[in-house]
Amino acid sequence: MRERDKEKARELEERLENFSKNIRPLPGIEPQENRQVLIDQLIDSIRRIKYVEAIRQRRLSPLRSDANSEIFDPIKAAVLHAQSGNIEEASWLIFLATHFGKSSQDGWALTQAFYNALGQGFVWSWERVAYNPEAVLEWLARNYPEFALRGYRFGNHRKYETMNPAKNGFTGLALRSYVNWILSNKSHAETFNQAIEKSQGNSKNAFRQLYKSMSSVSRFGRMGKFDYLTMIAKIGIANIEADSTYMGNATGPYDGGNLLFSGKANASIPRKTLDNWLIELDEELGVGMQVLEDALCNWQKSPGKYTRFRG
């Protein structure tokens, strides 16, 4: 562990102990090994978020945003577009990266294959898609055999999505509903600005407004909405911040929270109560709800033995 991570780990341990003694008991980390593994998972989650902040400070190659480049990366492309003032394309790329996900086998290959239109000489840019969303569905249906032949996979969190136009999880439906959501407010910039204005500049309330309004986006459940909006924030597109773990019916953060506050992953603490307790905990830790949600989800899988998970 790097020296700065060791310092952060010591700080987190002190804050966890203070919270447990003075605010609310945390029986799940009474065993030393459980406490250490949770701290390690918190450090990993912080690193993953800091990574996006770090790439914003780097000088990125323009090839990262070239849809036909071997080193195309939708997140880095979004950073480049945001830095040049093209909020619309940056936000669209974040949506595509979230929708398709990063496959452990294929990386961003599926995202790129869609974005560069299978190398057919044009790009499915935001401008093109917003002009005629139905053309996207027609193109996807027509080119499904080629996608099937290439066999590129969705990311693990998106494994129930499909490029098959005959299936309920057809990608075209998700893309069209997203475009309609944004165009109902004219643009990405207007969508985010309106939420911030309605929230009187409160970044957490704005996040909640956007999260609720994203319910109209097909195939985007709790994790999809949460990941999309937190990435919009991390890249600096909109001043919003998660105000909750938004655990909903998700088992990972719920089991992790149960284990932390009761010592048993199968406890039945009401979800609203648990979410409020996690908000209290973050007020002490100061790591942000995304870090807390991610760390708890990973920690509960192996609470007494550290296992490194990818994002």
Protein backbone atom coordinates (compact mmCIF):
# COMPACT_ATOMS: atom_id res chain seq x y z
CA MET A 1 0.00 0.00 0.00
CA ARG A 2 1.33 3.45 -0.93
CA GLU A 3 2.28 5.81 1.89
CA ARG A 4 -0.59 8.20 1.16
CA ASP A 5 -2.98 5.25 1.19
CA LYS A 6 -1.60 4.15 4.56
CA GLU A 7 -2.28 7.62 5.94
CA LYS A 8 -5.82 7.53 4.56
CA ALA A 9 -6.32 4.05 6.01
CA ARG A 10 -5.30 5.25 9.47
CA GLU A 11 -7.68 8.20 9.17
CA LEU A 12 -10.56 5.95 8.08
CA GLU A 13 -9.91 3.56 10.97
CA GLU A 14 -10.02 6.42 13.47
CA ARG A 15 -13.24 7.76 11.98
CA LEU A 16 -14.89 4.33 11.93
CA GLU A 17 -13.95 3.76 15.57
CA ASN A 18 -15.26 7.20 16.54
CA PHE A 19 -18.55 6.59 14.73
CA SER A 20 -18.96 3.15 16.31
CA LYS A 21 -18.25 4.41 19.83
CA ASN A 22 -20.06 7.74 19.77
CA ILE A 23 -22.75 7.68 17.09
CA ARG A 24 -23.90 4.19 16.12
CA PRO A 25 -22.34 0.78 16.85
CA LEU A 26 -20.75 -1.06 13.91
CA PRO A 27 -20.66 -4.70 15.07
CA GLY A 28 -19.77 -5.89 11.58
CA ILE A 29 -16.25 -4.51 11.94
CA GLU A 30 -15.60 -5.56 15.52
CA PRO A 31 -13.41 -8.42 14.21
CA GLN A 32 -10.08 -6.79 13.29
CA GLU A 33 -9.91 -8.62 9.95
CA ASN A 34 -13.37 -7.33 8.95
CA ARG A 35 -12.42 -3.77 9.83
CA GLN A 36 -9.17 -3.98 7.86
CA VAL A 37 -10.86 -5.45 4.79
CA LEU A 38 -13.55 -2.73 4.81
CA ILE A 39 -10.84 -0.07 5.02
CA ASP A 40 -8.98 -1.72 2.12
CA GLN A 41 -12.17 -1.74 0.05
CA LEU A 42 -12.80 1.93 0.86
CA ILE A 43 -9.24 2.76 -0.29
CA ASP A 44 -9.79 0.81 -3.53
CA SER A 45 -13.06 2.63 -4.19
CA ILE A 46 -11.47 6.01 -3.51
CA ARG A 47 -8.68 5.12 -5.96
CA ARG A 48 -11.15 4.25 -8.70
CA ILE A 49 -12.86 7.61 -8.35
CA LYS A 50 -9.57 9.50 -8.07
CA TYR A 51 -8.51 7.82 -11.32
CA VAL A 52 -11.15 9.74 -13.26
CA GLU A 53 -10.11 12.95 -11.53
CA ALA A 54 -6.48 12.17 -12.39
CA ILE A 55 -7.10 11.66 -16.10
CA ARG A 56 -8.76 15.08 -16.20
CA GLN A 57 -5.38 16.52 -15.22
CA ARG A 58 -3.38 14.58 -17.81
CA ARG A 59 -2.61 15.54 -21.37
CA LEU A 60 -4.66 12.99 -23.27
CA SER A 61 -3.99 11.93 -26.83
CA PRO A 62 -6.67 13.09 -29.30
CA LEU A 63 -6.74 9.47 -30.50
CA ARG A 64 -8.60 8.60 -27.29
CA SER A 65 -11.66 10.29 -28.79
CA ASP A 66 -11.14 8.97 -32.34
CA ALA A 67 -13.89 6.40 -32.87
CA ASN A 68 -11.67 4.44 -35.27
CA SER A 69 -8.50 4.46 -33.18
CA GLU A 70 -7.12 1.32 -31.54
CA ILE A 71 -6.80 3.29 -28.30
CA PHE A 72 -10.31 4.76 -28.29
CA ASP A 73 -11.65 5.08 -24.75
CA PRO A 74 -15.16 6.52 -24.20
CA ILE A 75 -14.39 7.90 -20.74
CA LYS A 76 -11.21 9.64 -21.86
CA ALA A 77 -13.05 10.78 -24.98
CA ALA A 78 -15.73 12.29 -22.74
CA VAL A 79 -13.03 14.13 -20.78
CA LEU A 80 -11.57 15.55 -23.99
CA HIS A 81 -14.97 16.68 -25.28
CA ALA A 82 -15.88 18.23 -21.92
CA GLN A 83 -12.59 20.11 -21.85
CA SER A 84 -13.26 21.51 -25.32
CA GLY A 85 -16.75 22.62 -24.26
CA ASN A 86 -18.71 19.94 -26.10
CA ILE A 87 -20.94 18.89 -23.20
CA GLU A 88 -23.41 17.15 -25.51
CA GLU A 89 -20.91 14.66 -26.96
CA ALA A 90 -19.20 14.17 -23.60
CA SER A 91 -22.48 13.26 -21.90
CA TRP A 92 -23.52 10.99 -24.77
CA LEU A 93 -20.24 9.08 -24.51
CA ILE A 94 -20.74 8.64 -20.77
CA PHE A 95 -24.17 7.21 -21.45
CA LEU A 96 -22.77 4.79 -24.06
CA ALA A 97 -19.97 3.72 -21.72
CA THR A 98 -22.50 3.12 -18.94
CA HIS A 99 -25.00 1.34 -21.17
CA PHE A 100 -22.57 -1.05 -22.86
CA GLY A 101 -20.18 -1.32 -19.93
CA LYS A 102 -16.53 -2.36 -20.03
CA SER A 103 -16.16 -6.08 -20.63
CA SER A 104 -13.41 -7.94 -18.80
CA GLN A 105 -12.77 -9.84 -22.05
CA ASP A 106 -13.38 -7.23 -24.75
CA GLY A 107 -12.81 -3.93 -22.97
CA TRP A 108 -14.66 -1.10 -24.72
CA ALA A 109 -14.97 -3.01 -28.02
CA LEU A 110 -18.78 -3.06 -28.06
CA THR A 111 -19.06 0.64 -27.23
CA GLN A 112 -16.60 1.44 -30.00
CA ALA A 113 -18.28 -0.87 -32.52
CA PHE A 114 -21.54 0.99 -32.05
CA TYR A 115 -20.01 4.46 -31.88
CA ASN A 116 -17.99 4.06 -35.08
CA ALA A 117 -20.93 2.35 -36.80
CA LEU A 118 -18.94 -0.86 -37.36
CA GLY A 119 -16.46 1.15 -39.41
CA GLN A 120 -19.04 2.09 -42.05
CA GLY A 121 -17.66 5.59 -42.53
CA PHE A 122 -19.61 7.63 -40.01
CA VAL A 123 -19.97 8.01 -36.25
CA TRP A 124 -23.11 7.75 -34.15
CA SER A 125 -22.41 11.12 -32.61
CA TRP A 126 -24.93 12.88 -30.40
CA GLU A 127 -25.77 15.31 -33.21
CA ARG A 128 -26.56 12.47 -35.63
CA VAL A 129 -28.52 10.40 -33.11
CA ALA A 130 -30.54 13.33 -31.78
CA TYR A 131 -31.47 14.37 -35.32
CA ASN A 132 -33.08 10.98 -36.06
CA PRO A 133 -33.29 8.47 -33.19
CA GLU A 134 -35.36 6.03 -35.27
CA ALA A 135 -32.48 5.72 -37.72
CA VAL A 136 -30.39 4.25 -34.90
CA LEU A 137 -32.92 1.48 -34.24
CA GLU A 138 -33.18 0.69 -37.95
CA TRP A 139 -29.40 0.57 -38.30
CA LEU A 140 -28.99 -1.65 -35.22
CA ALA A 141 -31.62 -4.09 -36.48
CA ARG A 142 -30.07 -4.20 -39.94
CA ASN A 143 -26.58 -4.74 -38.57
CA TYR A 144 -27.43 -7.21 -35.81
CA PRO A 145 -25.90 -10.16 -37.76
CA GLU A 146 -22.53 -8.36 -37.81
CA PHE A 147 -22.67 -7.62 -34.08
CA ALA A 148 -23.57 -11.27 -33.44
CA LEU A 149 -20.66 -12.40 -35.61
CA ARG A 150 -18.16 -10.23 -33.75
CA GLY A 151 -19.48 -11.44 -30.42
CA TYR A 152 -18.44 -8.42 -28.37
CA ARG A 153 -19.79 -8.63 -24.84
CA PHE A 154 -21.48 -6.13 -22.57
CA GLY A 155 -19.85 -5.32 -19.24
CA ASN A 156 -20.67 -7.57 -16.28
CA HIS A 157 -23.22 -5.15 -14.81
CA ARG A 158 -24.99 -4.98 -18.19
CA LYS A 159 -24.96 -8.69 -19.02
CA TYR A 160 -28.74 -8.88 -19.51
CA GLU A 161 -28.69 -6.34 -22.36
CA THR A 162 -28.69 -7.49 -25.96
CA MET A 163 -28.08 -6.27 -29.49
CA ASN A 164 -30.86 -8.57 -30.72
CA PRO A 165 -33.81 -6.46 -31.94
CA ALA A 166 -36.21 -9.34 -31.24
CA LYS A 167 -35.44 -9.37 -27.51
CA ASN A 168 -36.90 -7.21 -24.72
CA GLY A 169 -33.47 -5.93 -23.72
CA PHE A 170 -32.72 -4.59 -27.21
CA THR A 171 -30.14 -1.82 -27.04
CA GLY A 172 -32.02 0.35 -29.51
CA LEU A 173 -34.91 0.82 -27.06
CA ALA A 174 -32.56 2.04 -24.34
CA LEU A 175 -30.82 4.45 -26.71
CA ARG A 176 -34.08 5.88 -28.04
CA SER A 177 -35.53 6.41 -24.56
CA TYR A 178 -32.34 8.15 -23.44
CA VAL A 179 -32.44 10.49 -26.44
CA ASN A 180 -36.10 11.29 -25.71
CA TRP A 181 -35.27 11.99 -22.05
CA ILE A 182 -32.59 14.49 -23.00
CA LEU A 183 -34.52 16.10 -25.85
CA SER A 184 -37.51 16.69 -23.56
CA ASN A 185 -35.25 19.39 -22.07
CA LYS A 186 -33.64 20.24 -25.45
CA SER A 187 -30.07 19.25 -24.52
CA HIS A 188 -27.80 17.66 -21.91
CA ALA A 189 -26.69 21.08 -20.72
CA GLU A 190 -30.31 22.19 -20.21
CA THR A 191 -31.22 18.92 -18.50
CA PHE A 192 -28.47 19.35 -15.91
CA ASN A 193 -28.89 23.11 -15.56
CA GLN A 194 -32.63 22.86 -14.95
CA ALA A 195 -32.11 20.28 -12.20
CA ILE A 196 -29.52 22.50 -10.53
CA GLU A 197 -31.72 25.61 -10.82
CA LYS A 198 -34.77 23.78 -9.42
CA SER A 199 -32.58 22.63 -6.54
CA GLN A 200 -31.34 26.19 -5.94
CA GLY A 201 -27.77 25.08 -6.51
CA ASN A 202 -27.92 22.20 -4.02
CA SER A 203 -25.79 19.53 -5.72
CA LYS A 204 -27.34 16.62 -3.79
CA ASN A 205 -30.91 17.67 -4.47
CA ALA A 206 -30.04 18.12 -8.15
CA PHE A 207 -28.64 14.57 -8.24
CA ARG A 208 -31.88 13.26 -6.72
CA GLN A 209 -34.00 15.15 -9.28
CA LEU A 210 -31.99 13.78 -12.18
CA TYR A 211 -32.01 10.26 -10.74
CA LYS A 212 -35.81 10.31 -10.50
CA SER A 213 -36.27 11.77 -13.96
CA MET A 214 -34.06 9.04 -15.47
CA SER A 215 -36.77 6.50 -14.70
CA SER A 216 -38.00 7.17 -18.23
CA VAL A 217 -34.77 5.68 -19.65
CA SER A 218 -35.42 2.07 -20.61
CA ARG A 219 -33.16 -0.65 -19.17
CA PHE A 220 -31.55 1.78 -16.73
CA GLY A 221 -32.16 0.59 -13.20
CA ARG A 222 -30.59 1.69 -9.94
CA MET A 223 -27.01 0.94 -10.92
CA GLY A 224 -27.23 2.36 -14.43
CA LYS A 225 -28.66 5.68 -13.26
CA PHE A 226 -26.28 5.89 -10.31
CA ASP A 227 -23.18 5.10 -12.40
CA TYR A 228 -24.17 7.49 -15.19
CA LEU A 229 -24.85 10.46 -12.91
CA THR A 230 -21.79 9.93 -10.72
CA MET A 231 -19.61 9.83 -13.85
CA ILE A 232 -21.23 13.04 -15.11
CA ALA A 233 -20.14 14.56 -11.80
CA LYS A 234 -16.63 13.08 -11.82
CA ILE A 235 -15.88 14.39 -15.29
CA GLY A 236 -17.04 17.83 -14.20
CA ILE A 237 -19.97 18.16 -16.56
CA ALA A 238 -22.46 19.07 -13.83
CA ASN A 239 -22.10 20.06 -10.19
CA ILE A 240 -24.11 17.18 -8.73
CA GLU A 241 -23.35 14.76 -5.91
CA ALA A 242 -25.00 11.51 -4.82
CA ASP A 243 -27.08 12.11 -1.70
CA SER A 244 -27.73 8.42 -1.02
CA THR A 245 -26.55 4.95 -1.99
CA TYR A 246 -29.85 4.48 -3.86
CA MET A 247 -29.75 0.83 -2.85
CA GLY A 248 -33.37 0.23 -3.90
CA ASN A 249 -33.77 -3.53 -4.26
CA ALA A 250 -30.04 -4.12 -4.81
CA THR A 251 -28.62 -6.90 -2.66
CA GLY A 252 -24.93 -5.90 -2.57
CA PRO A 253 -25.02 -2.59 -0.68
CA TYR A 254 -28.01 -3.78 1.37
CA ASP A 255 -26.24 -6.92 2.56
CA GLY A 256 -23.10 -4.90 3.22
CA GLY A 257 -25.03 -2.35 5.26
CA ASN A 258 -26.80 -5.08 7.24
CA LEU A 259 -23.49 -6.75 8.01
CA LEU A 260 -21.90 -3.47 9.05
CA PHE A 261 -24.69 -2.27 11.36
CA SER A 262 -25.92 -5.61 12.73
CA GLY A 263 -23.08 -8.06 12.27
CA LYS A 264 -25.29 -10.21 10.02
CA ALA A 265 -25.60 -9.87 6.24
CA ASN A 266 -29.04 -11.52 6.35
CA ALA A 267 -30.48 -9.09 8.91
CA SER A 268 -33.62 -7.23 7.89
CA ILE A 269 -32.93 -3.58 8.67
CA PRO A 270 -35.48 -1.49 6.72
CA ARG A 271 -33.82 -0.12 3.59
CA LYS A 272 -34.78 3.48 4.31
CA THR A 273 -33.36 3.20 7.83
CA LEU A 274 -30.16 1.66 6.50
CA ASP A 275 -29.79 4.37 3.89
CA ASN A 276 -30.16 7.07 6.57
CA TRP A 277 -27.53 5.37 8.71
CA LEU A 278 -25.15 5.26 5.75
CA ILE A 279 -25.70 8.97 5.18
CA GLU A 280 -24.76 9.50 8.84
CA LEU A 281 -21.67 7.34 8.38
CA ASP A 282 -20.55 9.29 5.34
CA GLU A 283 -20.88 12.53 7.29
CA GLU A 284 -18.17 11.07 9.53
CA LEU A 285 -16.01 9.43 6.84
CA GLY A 286 -16.37 12.12 4.16
CA VAL A 287 -15.69 9.72 1.29
CA GLY A 288 -18.93 10.26 -0.65
CA MET A 289 -21.88 7.96 -1.18
CA GLN A 290 -20.49 6.38 -4.34
CA VAL A 291 -17.35 5.24 -2.53
CA LEU A 292 -19.39 3.91 0.38
CA GLU A 293 -21.83 2.05 -1.88
CA ASP A 294 -19.04 0.48 -3.94
CA ALA A 295 -16.92 -0.49 -0.92
CA LEU A 296 -19.82 -2.06 1.00
CA CYS A 297 -20.93 -4.02 -2.04
CA ASN A 298 -17.44 -5.49 -2.47
CA TRP A 299 -16.74 -5.93 1.26
CA GLN A 300 -19.82 -8.08 1.92
CA LYS A 301 -18.65 -10.60 -0.68
CA SER A 302 -15.59 -11.42 1.42
CA PRO A 303 -15.68 -9.47 4.71
CA GLY A 304 -12.82 -11.23 6.47
CA LYS A 305 -10.40 -11.72 3.59
CA TYR A 306 -9.36 -8.98 1.18
CA THR A 307 -10.19 -9.57 -2.48
CA ARG A 308 -9.53 -6.95 -5.11
CA PHE A 309 -12.46 -6.19 -7.38
CA ARG A 310 -12.48 -4.19 -10.59
CA GLY A 311 -14.83 -1.21 -10.93
